[in-house]
Amino acid sequence: MNLGKDMPILARFVDLATTMLLVVAISAIVGLILAWPVQLLWNYVFGSLYRINFGQAWGLNVLAGILFGIAGNGKK
């Protein structure tokens, strides 16, 4: 199997950069989609005390992922 050995180094770099940009963009879109239920739940539970907007819900979602995310390689 010839995995890119005939490709120039610049073409491989462009392919890698495109893939990385696509992964970051998809992750951001998924994060924004998942921030909406966080905002709705927060405003439902704590609405009388403190309301949050969409950007704050996204930040809260990211923070919860960092704090409570499962770290490891998935092996049990």
N, C-alpha and C. Protein backbone atom coordinates (compact mmCIF):
# COMPACT_ATOMS: atom_id res chain seq x y z
N MET A 1 0.84 -1.18 0.00
CA MET A 1 0.00 0.00 0.00
C MET A 1 0.88 1.24 0.00
N ASN A 2 0.63 2.14 -0.89
CA ASN A 2 1.45 3.33 -1.06
C ASN A 2 0.69 4.53 -0.51
N LEU A 3 0.90 4.84 0.77
CA LEU A 3 0.16 5.90 1.43
C LEU A 3 0.89 7.23 1.33
N GLY A 4 0.81 7.89 0.22
CA GLY A 4 1.33 9.22 0.07
C GLY A 4 2.82 9.32 -0.13
N LYS A 5 3.49 8.25 -0.45
CA LYS A 5 4.94 8.31 -0.65
C LYS A 5 5.30 9.03 -1.95
N ASP A 6 4.39 9.04 -2.90
CA ASP A 6 4.65 9.73 -4.16
C ASP A 6 4.16 11.18 -4.14
N MET A 7 3.45 11.57 -3.07
CA MET A 7 2.93 12.93 -2.97
C MET A 7 4.04 13.87 -2.50
N PRO A 8 4.08 15.08 -3.04
CA PRO A 8 5.04 16.07 -2.54
C PRO A 8 4.72 16.47 -1.10
N ILE A 9 5.70 16.94 -0.39
CA ILE A 9 5.53 17.29 1.01
C ILE A 9 4.51 18.40 1.20
N LEU A 10 4.46 19.37 0.29
CA LEU A 10 3.51 20.46 0.40
C LEU A 10 2.08 19.96 0.24
N ALA A 11 1.86 19.03 -0.66
CA ALA A 11 0.51 18.48 -0.86
C ALA A 11 0.07 17.72 0.38
N ARG A 12 0.98 16.98 1.01
CA ARG A 12 0.62 16.26 2.24
C ARG A 12 0.31 17.25 3.36
N PHE A 13 1.08 18.35 3.43
CA PHE A 13 0.83 19.36 4.45
C PHE A 13 -0.53 20.02 4.26
N VAL A 14 -0.87 20.32 3.02
CA VAL A 14 -2.18 20.94 2.73
C VAL A 14 -3.31 19.97 3.10
N ASP A 15 -3.14 18.69 2.78
CA ASP A 15 -4.16 17.71 3.15
C ASP A 15 -4.31 17.61 4.67
N LEU A 16 -3.20 17.60 5.38
CA LEU A 16 -3.25 17.53 6.84
C LEU A 16 -3.89 18.78 7.43
N ALA A 17 -3.53 19.95 6.92
CA ALA A 17 -4.10 21.20 7.42
C ALA A 17 -5.60 21.27 7.14
N THR A 18 -6.02 20.81 5.97
CA THR A 18 -7.44 20.80 5.64
C THR A 18 -8.21 19.87 6.57
N THR A 19 -7.64 18.71 6.84
CA THR A 19 -8.30 17.76 7.74
C THR A 19 -8.40 18.32 9.16
N MET A 20 -7.33 18.95 9.62
CA MET A 20 -7.35 19.52 10.97
C MET A 20 -8.37 20.65 11.07
N LEU A 21 -8.45 21.49 10.06
CA LEU A 21 -9.41 22.59 10.05
C LEU A 21 -10.84 22.05 10.03
N LEU A 22 -11.07 21.01 9.27
CA LEU A 22 -12.39 20.40 9.21
C LEU A 22 -12.79 19.80 10.56
N VAL A 23 -11.86 19.14 11.25
CA VAL A 23 -12.14 18.56 12.56
C VAL A 23 -12.46 19.65 13.58
N VAL A 24 -11.71 20.74 13.56
CA VAL A 24 -11.97 21.84 14.48
C VAL A 24 -13.33 22.48 14.19
N ALA A 25 -13.65 22.67 12.92
CA ALA A 25 -14.94 23.28 12.56
C ALA A 25 -16.11 22.39 12.97
N ILE A 26 -16.01 21.10 12.73
CA ILE A 26 -17.09 20.18 13.11
C ILE A 26 -17.23 20.13 14.62
N SER A 27 -16.12 20.14 15.35
CA SER A 27 -16.18 20.13 16.81
C SER A 27 -16.85 21.39 17.34
N ALA A 28 -16.55 22.54 16.73
CA ALA A 28 -17.18 23.79 17.16
C ALA A 28 -18.68 23.77 16.88
N ILE A 29 -19.08 23.26 15.74
CA ILE A 29 -20.51 23.20 15.40
C ILE A 29 -21.25 22.27 16.36
N VAL A 30 -20.67 21.11 16.64
CA VAL A 30 -21.30 20.17 17.58
C VAL A 30 -21.38 20.80 18.96
N GLY A 31 -20.32 21.50 19.37
CA GLY A 31 -20.34 22.17 20.67
C GLY A 31 -21.42 23.22 20.76
N LEU A 32 -21.61 23.97 19.68
CA LEU A 32 -22.67 24.98 19.68
C LEU A 32 -24.05 24.35 19.73
N ILE A 33 -24.22 23.25 19.03
CA ILE A 33 -25.51 22.56 19.05
C ILE A 33 -25.81 22.02 20.44
N LEU A 34 -24.79 21.49 21.12
CA LEU A 34 -24.99 20.95 22.46
C LEU A 34 -25.11 22.04 23.52
N ALA A 35 -24.72 23.27 23.22
CA ALA A 35 -24.84 24.36 24.19
C ALA A 35 -26.28 24.82 24.35
N TRP A 36 -27.08 24.63 23.35
CA TRP A 36 -28.47 25.09 23.42
C TRP A 36 -29.27 24.38 24.52
N PRO A 37 -29.22 23.03 24.64
CA PRO A 37 -29.94 22.40 25.76
C PRO A 37 -29.37 22.80 27.12
N VAL A 38 -28.07 23.06 27.20
CA VAL A 38 -27.47 23.51 28.46
C VAL A 38 -28.06 24.86 28.85
N GLN A 39 -28.19 25.76 27.88
CA GLN A 39 -28.77 27.07 28.16
C GLN A 39 -30.22 26.94 28.61
N LEU A 40 -30.99 26.12 27.92
CA LEU A 40 -32.40 25.95 28.29
C LEU A 40 -32.54 25.36 29.68
N LEU A 41 -31.75 24.35 30.00
CA LEU A 41 -31.82 23.71 31.31
C LEU A 41 -31.38 24.67 32.41
N TRP A 42 -30.29 25.39 32.19
CA TRP A 42 -29.81 26.33 33.19
C TRP A 42 -30.85 27.41 33.46
N ASN A 43 -31.41 27.99 32.39
CA ASN A 43 -32.40 29.06 32.57
C ASN A 43 -33.68 28.54 33.18
N TYR A 44 -34.01 27.27 32.97
CA TYR A 44 -35.20 26.70 33.60
C TYR A 44 -34.97 26.49 35.10
N VAL A 45 -33.80 25.97 35.45
CA VAL A 45 -33.53 25.66 36.86
C VAL A 45 -33.17 26.91 37.65
N PHE A 46 -32.27 27.74 37.11
CA PHE A 46 -31.77 28.89 37.85
C PHE A 46 -32.24 30.22 37.25
N GLY A 47 -33.31 30.21 36.52
CA GLY A 47 -33.76 31.40 35.80
C GLY A 47 -34.08 32.58 36.69
N SER A 48 -34.63 32.32 37.88
CA SER A 48 -34.98 33.44 38.75
C SER A 48 -33.74 34.05 39.42
N LEU A 49 -32.66 33.28 39.52
CA LEU A 49 -31.44 33.79 40.15
C LEU A 49 -30.49 34.41 39.14
N TYR A 50 -30.20 33.67 38.06
CA TYR A 50 -29.20 34.13 37.10
C TYR A 50 -29.44 33.47 35.76
N ARG A 51 -29.67 34.29 34.75
CA ARG A 51 -29.88 33.78 33.40
C ARG A 51 -28.58 33.86 32.62
N ILE A 52 -28.36 32.89 31.72
CA ILE A 52 -27.16 32.89 30.89
C ILE A 52 -27.55 32.99 29.42
N ASN A 53 -26.63 33.50 28.61
CA ASN A 53 -26.88 33.58 27.17
C ASN A 53 -26.22 32.39 26.48
N PHE A 54 -26.27 32.39 25.16
CA PHE A 54 -25.81 31.24 24.39
C PHE A 54 -24.30 31.04 24.51
N GLY A 55 -23.54 32.12 24.49
CA GLY A 55 -22.09 32.02 24.61
C GLY A 55 -21.66 31.50 25.98
N GLN A 56 -22.35 31.94 27.02
CA GLN A 56 -22.05 31.43 28.36
C GLN A 56 -22.42 29.97 28.49
N ALA A 57 -23.48 29.54 27.82
CA ALA A 57 -23.85 28.13 27.85
C ALA A 57 -22.80 27.29 27.13
N TRP A 58 -22.24 27.81 26.05
CA TRP A 58 -21.18 27.10 25.34
C TRP A 58 -19.95 26.97 26.23
N GLY A 59 -19.59 28.06 26.91
CA GLY A 59 -18.45 28.02 27.83
C GLY A 59 -18.68 27.05 28.98
N LEU A 60 -19.89 27.01 29.49
CA LEU A 60 -20.23 26.08 30.57
C LEU A 60 -20.15 24.64 30.08
N ASN A 61 -20.57 24.40 28.87
CA ASN A 61 -20.50 23.07 28.27
C ASN A 61 -19.05 22.63 28.09
N VAL A 62 -18.19 23.53 27.63
CA VAL A 62 -16.77 23.22 27.47
C VAL A 62 -16.13 22.96 28.82
N LEU A 63 -16.43 23.80 29.81
CA LEU A 63 -15.87 23.64 31.15
C LEU A 63 -16.29 22.31 31.77
N ALA A 64 -17.56 21.94 31.61
CA ALA A 64 -18.02 20.66 32.14
C ALA A 64 -17.32 19.50 31.44
N GLY A 65 -17.08 19.64 30.14
CA GLY A 65 -16.36 18.60 29.42
C GLY A 65 -14.93 18.45 29.91
N ILE A 66 -14.29 19.57 30.23
CA ILE A 66 -12.92 19.51 30.75
C ILE A 66 -12.90 18.92 32.15
N LEU A 67 -13.81 19.35 32.99
CA LEU A 67 -13.81 18.90 34.38
C LEU A 67 -14.29 17.45 34.55
N PHE A 68 -15.32 17.09 33.84
CA PHE A 68 -15.94 15.78 34.05
C PHE A 68 -15.75 14.82 32.89
N GLY A 69 -15.00 15.21 31.88
CA GLY A 69 -14.77 14.36 30.71
C GLY A 69 -13.96 13.13 31.10
N ILE A 70 -14.16 12.08 30.35
CA ILE A 70 -13.44 10.83 30.61
C ILE A 70 -12.12 10.90 29.88
N ALA A 71 -11.03 10.86 30.65
CA ALA A 71 -9.70 10.88 30.06
C ALA A 71 -9.19 9.45 29.94
N GLY A 72 -8.52 9.16 28.88
CA GLY A 72 -7.97 7.82 28.70
C GLY A 72 -8.09 7.40 27.26
N ASN A 73 -7.66 6.18 27.02
CA ASN A 73 -7.66 5.69 25.65
C ASN A 73 -8.84 4.78 25.35
N GLY A 74 -9.78 4.65 26.26
CA GLY A 74 -10.97 3.87 26.01
C GLY A 74 -10.87 2.40 26.35
N LYS A 75 -9.71 1.94 26.79
CA LYS A 75 -9.55 0.55 27.15
C LYS A 75 -10.01 0.34 28.59
N LYS A 76 -10.64 -0.81 28.81
CA LYS A 76 -11.10 -1.13 30.16
C LYS A 76 -10.33 -2.30 30.71
